[in-house]
N, C-alpha and C. Protein backbone atom coordinates (compact mmCIF):
# COMPACT_ATOMS: atom_id res chain seq x y z
N MET A 1 -4.36 7.89 -48.69
CA MET A 1 -3.48 8.89 -48.32
C MET A 1 -4.29 10.12 -47.66
N LYS A 2 -3.07 10.93 -47.01
CA LYS A 2 -4.17 11.80 -46.22
C LYS A 2 -2.86 13.62 -46.88
N VAL A 3 -3.94 14.15 -46.98
CA VAL A 3 -3.05 15.59 -47.73
C VAL A 3 -3.24 16.41 -46.47
N ALA A 4 -2.46 17.28 -46.47
CA ALA A 4 -1.88 18.44 -45.33
C ALA A 4 -1.73 19.77 -46.23
N VAL A 5 -2.17 20.83 -45.63
CA VAL A 5 -1.63 21.79 -46.15
C VAL A 5 -1.08 22.82 -45.56
N ARG A 6 0.16 23.57 -45.60
CA ARG A 6 0.97 24.19 -44.98
C ARG A 6 0.92 26.03 -45.54
N LEU A 7 1.40 26.66 -44.62
CA LEU A 7 1.57 27.98 -44.76
C LEU A 7 3.43 27.87 -46.05
N GLY A 8 3.40 28.33 -46.77
CA GLY A 8 4.61 27.91 -47.77
C GLY A 8 5.71 29.26 -47.24
N SER A 9 6.72 28.84 -47.31
CA SER A 9 7.68 29.68 -46.81
C SER A 9 8.96 29.93 -48.25
N VAL A 10 9.90 30.84 -47.60
CA VAL A 10 11.04 31.05 -48.05
C VAL A 10 11.45 29.54 -49.44
N ALA A 11 11.53 28.57 -48.74
CA ALA A 11 12.10 27.58 -48.51
C ALA A 11 11.69 27.27 -49.89
N ASP A 12 10.45 27.40 -49.77
CA ASP A 12 9.11 26.87 -51.42
C ASP A 12 9.41 27.30 -52.07
N ARG A 13 10.01 28.39 -52.85
CA ARG A 13 10.18 29.38 -53.90
C ARG A 13 10.63 28.51 -54.74
N ALA A 14 11.81 27.95 -54.77
CA ALA A 14 12.45 27.14 -56.34
C ALA A 14 11.22 26.13 -56.53
N TYR A 15 10.70 25.23 -55.55
CA TYR A 15 9.65 24.01 -55.74
C TYR A 15 8.26 25.40 -56.70
N VAL A 16 7.96 25.88 -56.24
CA VAL A 16 6.80 27.11 -56.84
C VAL A 16 6.93 27.36 -57.91
N GLU A 17 8.31 27.74 -58.52
CA GLU A 17 8.84 28.16 -59.60
C GLU A 17 9.09 26.98 -60.58
N ASP A 18 9.55 25.65 -59.92
CA ASP A 18 9.56 24.64 -61.05
C ASP A 18 8.29 24.13 -61.39
N LEU A 19 7.77 23.63 -60.17
CA LEU A 19 6.07 23.17 -60.64
C LEU A 19 5.38 23.95 -61.53
N GLY A 20 5.26 25.44 -61.19
CA GLY A 20 4.92 26.41 -62.03
C GLY A 20 5.33 26.15 -63.59
N ARG A 21 6.10 26.15 -63.98
CA ARG A 21 6.83 25.84 -65.28
C ARG A 21 6.40 24.89 -65.74
N ARG A 22 6.64 23.77 -65.04
CA ARG A 22 6.32 22.47 -65.83
C ARG A 22 4.94 22.26 -65.76
N THR A 23 3.94 23.26 -65.36
CA THR A 23 2.36 23.05 -65.97
C THR A 23 2.04 23.94 -66.71
N VAL A 24 2.33 25.09 -66.76
CA VAL A 24 1.92 26.85 -67.31
C VAL A 24 1.63 26.50 -68.26
N THR A 25 1.68 25.34 -69.13
CA THR A 25 1.41 24.86 -70.41
C THR A 25 -0.18 25.08 -70.33
N SER A 26 -0.67 23.90 -69.18
CA SER A 26 -2.10 23.78 -69.16
C SER A 26 -2.55 24.88 -68.86
N SER A 27 -2.10 26.59 -69.06
CA SER A 27 -2.85 27.48 -68.70
C SER A 27 -3.19 28.31 -70.21
N VAL A 28 -2.77 27.84 -71.19
CA VAL A 28 -2.78 28.30 -72.30
C VAL A 28 -3.96 27.41 -73.57
N ALA A 29 -4.64 27.99 -74.07
CA ALA A 29 -5.82 27.79 -74.70
C ALA A 29 -4.99 26.84 -75.88
N ALA A 30 -5.83 26.12 -76.39
CA ALA A 30 -5.13 25.05 -77.59
C ALA A 30 -5.11 25.99 -78.71
N PHE A 31 -6.32 27.08 -78.97
CA PHE A 31 -5.75 27.98 -80.18
C PHE A 31 -5.01 28.83 -80.08
N ARG A 32 -4.11 28.87 -78.99
CA ARG A 32 -3.05 30.14 -78.83
C ARG A 32 -1.60 29.32 -79.30
N HIS A 33 -1.21 29.79 -80.65
CA HIS A 33 0.04 28.86 -80.68
C HIS A 33 1.48 29.86 -79.93
N ALA A 34 1.10 29.70 -78.77
CA ALA A 34 2.47 30.51 -78.31
C ALA A 34 3.26 29.85 -77.69
N PRO A 35 4.72 30.17 -78.00
CA PRO A 35 6.21 29.53 -78.05
C PRO A 35 6.39 29.29 -76.65
N ASP A 36 6.69 28.16 -76.02
CA ASP A 36 6.74 27.93 -74.54
C ASP A 36 7.84 29.30 -74.14
N ALA A 37 8.63 29.92 -74.79
CA ALA A 37 9.77 30.65 -73.93
C ALA A 37 8.71 31.88 -73.30
N VAL A 38 7.55 32.02 -74.34
CA VAL A 38 6.68 33.21 -74.09
C VAL A 38 6.27 33.08 -73.11
N VAL A 39 5.29 31.94 -72.95
CA VAL A 39 4.76 31.48 -71.81
C VAL A 39 5.53 30.99 -70.28
N LEU A 40 6.86 30.58 -70.53
CA LEU A 40 7.40 30.60 -69.50
C LEU A 40 7.59 32.63 -68.73
N ALA A 41 7.71 33.61 -69.65
CA ALA A 41 7.90 34.27 -69.32
C ALA A 41 6.80 34.85 -68.39
N ALA A 42 5.83 34.41 -69.32
CA ALA A 42 4.36 35.33 -68.69
C ALA A 42 4.50 34.99 -67.33
N LEU A 43 4.72 33.34 -66.88
CA LEU A 43 4.59 32.66 -65.67
C LEU A 43 6.06 33.75 -64.68
N GLU A 44 6.96 34.17 -65.11
CA GLU A 44 7.90 34.62 -64.23
C GLU A 44 7.23 36.40 -63.91
N ARG A 45 6.71 36.63 -65.04
CA ARG A 45 6.12 37.68 -64.59
C ARG A 45 4.74 37.84 -63.63
N LEU A 46 4.13 36.74 -63.76
CA LEU A 46 2.80 36.57 -62.89
C LEU A 46 3.21 36.34 -61.11
N LEU A 47 4.70 35.09 -61.02
CA LEU A 47 5.66 34.81 -60.04
C LEU A 47 5.91 36.60 -59.63
N GLU A 48 6.71 37.57 -60.21
CA GLU A 48 6.73 38.32 -59.83
C GLU A 48 5.90 39.69 -59.74
N PHE A 49 4.84 39.43 -59.88
CA PHE A 49 3.58 40.30 -59.72
C PHE A 49 3.35 39.76 -58.44
N THR A 50 3.09 38.70 -58.36
CA THR A 50 2.22 38.00 -57.23
C THR A 50 3.45 38.12 -55.52
N ARG A 51 4.66 38.18 -55.71
CA ARG A 51 5.41 38.11 -54.68
C ARG A 51 6.12 39.91 -54.38
N GLU A 52 5.12 40.78 -55.26
CA GLU A 52 5.19 42.04 -55.00
C GLU A 52 4.27 42.79 -54.00
N ARG A 53 3.17 41.91 -54.42
CA ARG A 53 1.48 42.24 -53.33
C ARG A 53 1.37 41.04 -52.20
N SER A 54 0.47 41.48 -51.73
CA SER A 54 0.10 40.90 -50.37
C SER A 54 -0.53 39.62 -50.56
N HIS A 55 0.11 38.48 -50.18
CA HIS A 55 -0.31 37.18 -50.74
C HIS A 55 0.20 36.23 -49.79
N THR A 56 -0.33 34.84 -49.99
CA THR A 56 -0.11 33.58 -48.96
C THR A 56 0.02 32.68 -49.88
N THR A 57 1.33 32.06 -49.69
CA THR A 57 1.50 30.59 -50.40
C THR A 57 1.32 29.42 -49.72
N LEU A 58 0.54 28.91 -50.20
CA LEU A 58 0.14 27.18 -49.58
C LEU A 58 0.76 26.23 -50.53
N ILE A 59 0.97 25.60 -49.27
CA ILE A 59 2.21 24.34 -50.00
C ILE A 59 0.99 22.66 -49.60
N ALA A 60 0.38 22.27 -50.74
CA ALA A 60 0.26 20.67 -50.41
C ALA A 60 1.05 19.87 -49.86
N GLU A 61 0.94 18.86 -48.90
CA GLU A 61 1.73 17.55 -48.58
C GLU A 61 1.12 16.55 -48.54
N CYS A 62 1.60 14.91 -49.18
CA CYS A 62 0.88 13.84 -49.41
C CYS A 62 2.24 13.47 -48.50
N ASP A 63 2.09 12.45 -47.49
CA ASP A 63 2.69 11.50 -46.91
C ASP A 63 4.21 12.11 -46.64
N GLY A 64 4.10 13.47 -46.79
CA GLY A 64 5.41 14.32 -46.48
C GLY A 64 6.38 14.71 -47.68
N GLU A 65 5.33 14.63 -49.05
CA GLU A 65 6.33 15.00 -50.22
C GLU A 65 5.40 15.94 -50.49
N ARG A 66 6.10 17.55 -51.01
CA ARG A 66 5.04 17.94 -51.45
C ARG A 66 4.38 17.45 -52.89
N ALA A 67 2.90 18.44 -53.12
CA ALA A 67 2.32 17.75 -53.92
C ALA A 67 1.53 18.78 -54.82
N GLY A 68 1.82 20.03 -54.42
CA GLY A 68 1.21 21.30 -54.97
C GLY A 68 1.42 22.62 -54.57
N PHE A 69 1.03 23.68 -54.94
CA PHE A 69 0.66 24.41 -54.26
C PHE A 69 -0.45 25.78 -54.88
N VAL A 70 -0.54 26.73 -54.02
CA VAL A 70 -1.75 27.53 -54.60
C VAL A 70 -1.05 29.10 -54.22
N LEU A 71 -0.80 29.98 -54.97
CA LEU A 71 -0.83 31.52 -54.42
C LEU A 71 -2.06 32.28 -54.45
N VAL A 72 -1.92 33.36 -53.49
CA VAL A 72 -3.50 33.67 -53.62
C VAL A 72 -3.15 34.89 -52.87
N VAL A 73 -3.32 36.08 -53.84
CA VAL A 73 -3.41 37.41 -53.82
C VAL A 73 -4.58 38.12 -53.23
N ASP A 74 -4.38 39.04 -51.62
CA ASP A 74 -5.31 39.36 -51.13
C ASP A 74 -5.66 41.13 -51.22
N ASP A 75 -5.02 41.79 -52.24
CA ASP A 75 -5.03 42.92 -52.08
C ASP A 75 -5.33 43.44 -53.53
N LEU A 76 -6.20 42.54 -54.05
CA LEU A 76 -6.46 42.73 -55.83
C LEU A 76 -7.90 42.92 -55.97
N PRO A 77 -8.99 43.78 -55.88
CA PRO A 77 -10.09 43.94 -55.62
C PRO A 77 -10.46 43.39 -57.08
N ASP A 78 -11.98 42.94 -57.11
CA ASP A 78 -12.55 42.96 -58.48
C ASP A 78 -12.69 44.01 -59.61
N GLU A 79 -12.67 43.85 -60.57
CA GLU A 79 -11.70 45.18 -61.46
C GLU A 79 -13.44 45.30 -61.91
N VAL A 80 -14.89 45.36 -61.65
CA VAL A 80 -15.62 45.75 -62.05
C VAL A 80 -16.19 46.12 -61.04
N THR A 81 -16.30 45.80 -59.31
CA THR A 81 -17.35 46.46 -58.46
C THR A 81 -16.24 47.16 -57.49
N LEU A 82 -15.08 46.81 -57.67
CA LEU A 82 -13.56 47.12 -56.51
C LEU A 82 -13.83 46.83 -55.30
N MET A 83 -14.67 45.22 -55.02
CA MET A 83 -14.89 44.95 -54.10
C MET A 83 -13.71 43.90 -53.45
N PRO A 84 -13.88 43.95 -52.48
CA PRO A 84 -12.45 42.94 -51.86
C PRO A 84 -12.34 41.97 -52.22
N GLN A 85 -11.73 40.94 -52.45
CA GLN A 85 -11.76 39.47 -52.89
C GLN A 85 -10.27 39.00 -52.75
N GLY A 86 -10.29 37.52 -52.45
CA GLY A 86 -9.12 37.05 -52.36
C GLY A 86 -8.74 36.40 -54.00
N PHE A 87 -7.76 36.37 -54.46
CA PHE A 87 -7.45 36.19 -55.65
C PHE A 87 -6.75 34.80 -56.06
N ILE A 88 -7.22 33.63 -56.69
CA ILE A 88 -5.86 32.63 -57.05
C ILE A 88 -5.27 33.26 -58.20
N ALA A 89 -3.90 33.32 -57.74
CA ALA A 89 -3.14 34.14 -59.03
C ALA A 89 -2.55 32.30 -59.93
N TYR A 90 -2.14 31.20 -58.84
CA TYR A 90 -1.85 30.12 -59.54
C TYR A 90 -2.26 29.33 -58.58
N MET A 91 -2.35 28.05 -59.61
CA MET A 91 -2.74 26.79 -58.51
C MET A 91 -2.01 25.56 -59.30
N ALA A 92 -1.33 24.76 -58.82
CA ALA A 92 -0.96 23.46 -59.58
C ALA A 92 -0.32 22.45 -58.73
N VAL A 93 -0.90 21.56 -59.03
CA VAL A 93 -0.37 19.77 -58.24
C VAL A 93 0.40 19.39 -59.39
N GLU A 94 1.00 18.75 -58.95
CA GLU A 94 1.95 17.71 -59.54
C GLU A 94 1.36 16.78 -60.22
N PRO A 95 1.93 16.30 -61.25
CA PRO A 95 0.64 15.20 -62.33
C PRO A 95 0.74 13.73 -61.30
N SER A 96 1.57 13.32 -60.66
CA SER A 96 1.38 12.19 -60.00
C SER A 96 0.38 11.78 -58.94
N PHE A 97 0.08 13.59 -58.60
CA PHE A 97 -1.05 13.73 -57.35
C PHE A 97 -2.14 14.08 -57.58
N ARG A 98 -2.61 14.43 -59.13
CA ARG A 98 -3.92 14.69 -59.06
C ARG A 98 -4.89 13.44 -59.07
N GLN A 99 -6.30 14.09 -59.08
CA GLN A 99 -7.28 13.15 -58.48
C GLN A 99 -6.97 12.46 -57.12
N ARG A 100 -6.63 12.92 -56.14
CA ARG A 100 -6.06 12.24 -55.14
C ARG A 100 -6.28 13.66 -54.19
N GLY A 101 -6.99 14.69 -54.17
CA GLY A 101 -7.51 15.32 -53.19
C GLY A 101 -6.28 16.92 -52.91
N ALA A 102 -5.39 16.69 -53.51
CA ALA A 102 -4.27 17.70 -53.24
C ALA A 102 -5.07 19.18 -53.62
N GLY A 103 -5.51 18.81 -54.65
CA GLY A 103 -6.18 20.35 -55.55
C GLY A 103 -7.26 20.78 -54.79
N SER A 104 -8.17 20.01 -54.22
CA SER A 104 -9.34 20.26 -53.13
C SER A 104 -8.98 20.91 -51.83
N ALA A 105 -7.92 19.99 -51.29
CA ALA A 105 -7.02 20.66 -50.00
C ALA A 105 -6.48 21.90 -50.57
N LEU A 106 -6.00 22.24 -51.45
CA LEU A 106 -5.40 23.41 -51.42
C LEU A 106 -6.42 24.50 -52.07
N LEU A 107 -7.64 24.64 -52.28
CA LEU A 107 -8.58 25.46 -52.43
C LEU A 107 -9.03 25.70 -51.07
N ILE A 108 -9.46 24.43 -50.30
CA ILE A 108 -9.91 24.73 -49.19
C ILE A 108 -9.49 25.67 -48.25
N ALA A 109 -8.23 25.37 -48.31
CA ALA A 109 -6.93 25.99 -47.57
C ALA A 109 -6.70 27.37 -47.82
N ALA A 110 -7.03 27.73 -49.27
CA ALA A 110 -7.03 29.40 -50.03
C ALA A 110 -8.23 29.81 -49.12
N GLU A 111 -9.26 29.45 -49.25
CA GLU A 111 -10.81 29.80 -49.08
C GLU A 111 -10.79 30.41 -47.82
N ASP A 112 -10.12 29.50 -46.48
CA ASP A 112 -10.24 29.31 -45.00
C ASP A 112 -8.84 30.61 -44.70
N GLU A 113 -8.18 30.79 -45.69
CA GLU A 113 -7.71 32.27 -45.16
C GLU A 113 -7.95 33.14 -45.92
N ALA A 114 -8.45 33.54 -46.75
CA ALA A 114 -9.13 34.80 -47.58
C ALA A 114 -10.55 34.86 -46.59
N ARG A 115 -10.75 33.75 -46.05
CA ARG A 115 -12.31 34.35 -44.65
C ARG A 115 -11.32 34.88 -43.68
N ARG A 116 -9.76 34.28 -43.42
CA ARG A 116 -9.96 34.67 -42.14
C ARG A 116 -8.99 36.33 -42.18
N ARG A 117 -8.75 36.29 -43.54
CA ARG A 117 -8.38 38.35 -43.85
C ARG A 117 -9.73 38.73 -43.88
N GLY A 118 -10.85 38.10 -43.94
CA GLY A 118 -12.23 39.13 -44.09
C GLY A 118 -12.62 39.39 -45.25
N LEU A 119 -11.96 38.45 -46.47
CA LEU A 119 -12.53 38.76 -47.84
C LEU A 119 -13.45 38.12 -48.09
N PRO A 120 -14.90 38.97 -49.03
CA PRO A 120 -15.98 38.22 -48.62
C PRO A 120 -16.22 37.43 -50.01
N TYR A 121 -14.86 37.23 -50.92
CA TYR A 121 -15.37 36.83 -52.58
C TYR A 121 -13.71 35.76 -52.81
N MET A 122 -13.71 34.76 -53.55
CA MET A 122 -12.58 34.57 -54.10
C MET A 122 -12.91 34.64 -55.27
N GLY A 123 -11.68 34.87 -55.83
CA GLY A 123 -12.06 34.84 -57.94
C GLY A 123 -10.76 34.43 -58.34
N LEU A 124 -10.75 33.55 -59.75
CA LEU A 124 -10.06 33.15 -59.94
C LEU A 124 -10.26 32.99 -62.06
N MET A 125 -8.85 32.47 -62.42
CA MET A 125 -9.24 32.39 -63.73
C MET A 125 -9.19 30.73 -64.59
N VAL A 126 -9.95 30.04 -65.11
CA VAL A 126 -9.18 28.98 -66.07
C VAL A 126 -9.41 28.84 -67.05
N THR A 127 -8.22 28.14 -67.70
CA THR A 127 -8.79 28.29 -69.02
C THR A 127 -10.14 27.34 -69.55
N GLU A 128 -10.44 27.12 -70.93
CA GLU A 128 -11.78 26.68 -71.30
C GLU A 128 -11.53 25.06 -71.30
N ASP A 129 -10.28 24.82 -71.99
CA ASP A 129 -9.58 23.67 -71.86
C ASP A 129 -9.32 22.71 -70.84
N ASN A 130 -9.38 23.81 -69.75
CA ASN A 130 -8.69 22.78 -68.80
C ASN A 130 -9.99 21.98 -67.86
N ALA A 131 -10.35 21.15 -68.57
CA ALA A 131 -11.43 20.18 -67.55
C ALA A 131 -11.85 19.82 -66.32
N ALA A 132 -10.32 19.58 -66.15
CA ALA A 132 -10.27 19.07 -64.66
C ALA A 132 -10.18 20.24 -63.77
N GLY A 133 -9.87 20.91 -63.71
CA GLY A 133 -10.04 22.12 -63.14
C GLY A 133 -10.97 22.88 -62.88
N ARG A 134 -11.69 23.26 -64.04
CA ARG A 134 -13.04 23.45 -64.37
C ARG A 134 -14.06 22.64 -63.60
N ALA A 135 -14.01 21.50 -63.56
CA ALA A 135 -14.81 20.69 -62.61
C ALA A 135 -14.08 21.05 -61.50
N LEU A 136 -13.01 20.50 -60.83
CA LEU A 136 -12.55 21.07 -59.73
C LEU A 136 -13.46 22.12 -58.52
N TYR A 137 -13.52 23.11 -59.72
CA TYR A 137 -13.88 24.46 -58.87
C TYR A 137 -15.98 24.51 -58.84
N GLU A 138 -16.01 23.45 -59.97
CA GLU A 138 -17.57 23.64 -59.86
C GLU A 138 -17.89 22.87 -58.81
N ARG A 139 -17.59 21.91 -58.35
CA ARG A 139 -17.29 21.04 -57.15
C ARG A 139 -17.39 21.63 -55.77
N ALA A 140 -16.56 22.60 -56.17
CA ALA A 140 -16.44 23.76 -54.67
C ALA A 140 -17.37 24.73 -54.76
N GLY A 141 -18.24 25.04 -55.69
CA GLY A 141 -19.13 25.84 -55.71
C GLY A 141 -19.22 27.32 -56.74
N TYR A 142 -18.10 27.06 -57.32
CA TYR A 142 -17.54 28.40 -57.89
C TYR A 142 -18.16 28.18 -59.02
N PHE A 143 -18.68 29.27 -60.04
CA PHE A 143 -19.69 29.56 -61.08
C PHE A 143 -19.11 30.87 -61.90
N THR A 144 -19.58 30.81 -62.99
CA THR A 144 -18.84 31.74 -64.14
C THR A 144 -19.48 32.82 -63.79
N GLU A 145 -18.94 34.07 -63.81
CA GLU A 145 -19.37 35.42 -63.24
C GLU A 145 -19.37 36.09 -64.87
N ARG A 146 -17.90 35.99 -65.18
CA ARG A 146 -17.51 37.01 -66.99
C ARG A 146 -17.29 36.07 -67.08
N ARG A 147 -16.87 36.13 -68.86
CA ARG A 147 -16.33 35.30 -69.69
C ARG A 147 -15.65 35.97 -70.30
N LEU A 148 -14.48 35.78 -70.79
CA LEU A 148 -13.06 36.58 -71.64
C LEU A 148 -13.39 35.35 -73.25
N LEU A 149 -13.72 36.56 -73.91
CA LEU A 149 -14.35 35.81 -75.19
C LEU A 149 -12.86 36.48 -76.09
N CYS A 150 -12.45 35.38 -76.75
CA CYS A 150 -11.27 35.20 -78.00
C CYS A 150 -11.66 34.76 -79.05
N LYS A 151 -10.76 35.42 -80.42
CA LYS A 151 -10.85 34.43 -81.76
C LYS A 151 -9.42 35.08 -82.56
N PRO A 152 -9.32 33.66 -82.89
CA PRO A 152 -7.85 34.03 -83.73
C PRO A 152 -7.90 34.98 -85.06
N LEU A 153 -6.94 35.68 -85.28
CA LEU A 153 -7.28 36.62 -86.47
C LEU A 153 -6.25 35.69 -87.51
């Protein structure tokens, strides 16, 4: 199966929103008992935040079928150093296309776009519970820079 990545367009907006809604709960740690409506509202805020910033939407396709997307913000500097960076605001792959190269292709394309824009770093956040996502990023050379620690009260 060949994976191709293309620049997203306004015509992909409904797809991004739909796949985001279908996958967003994987972004929530198991110990956080957040109602689906709250998580979906947070996704809507994230999508709106991304649309209001300079960003790139990339769409993965396998045999002409959309397989996933990545949203890369390019004007969100690192919050500690204020160094410029690309930031993966959200990435999702269709369940039927996981472990088939779509995530890797999206990540490579996102990094290529950030390099094209002269950004020296790429940042992202991934939930500790998302073992598959963490493995993808580690294989691609990402490492933990900081940790967000949480405690249920």
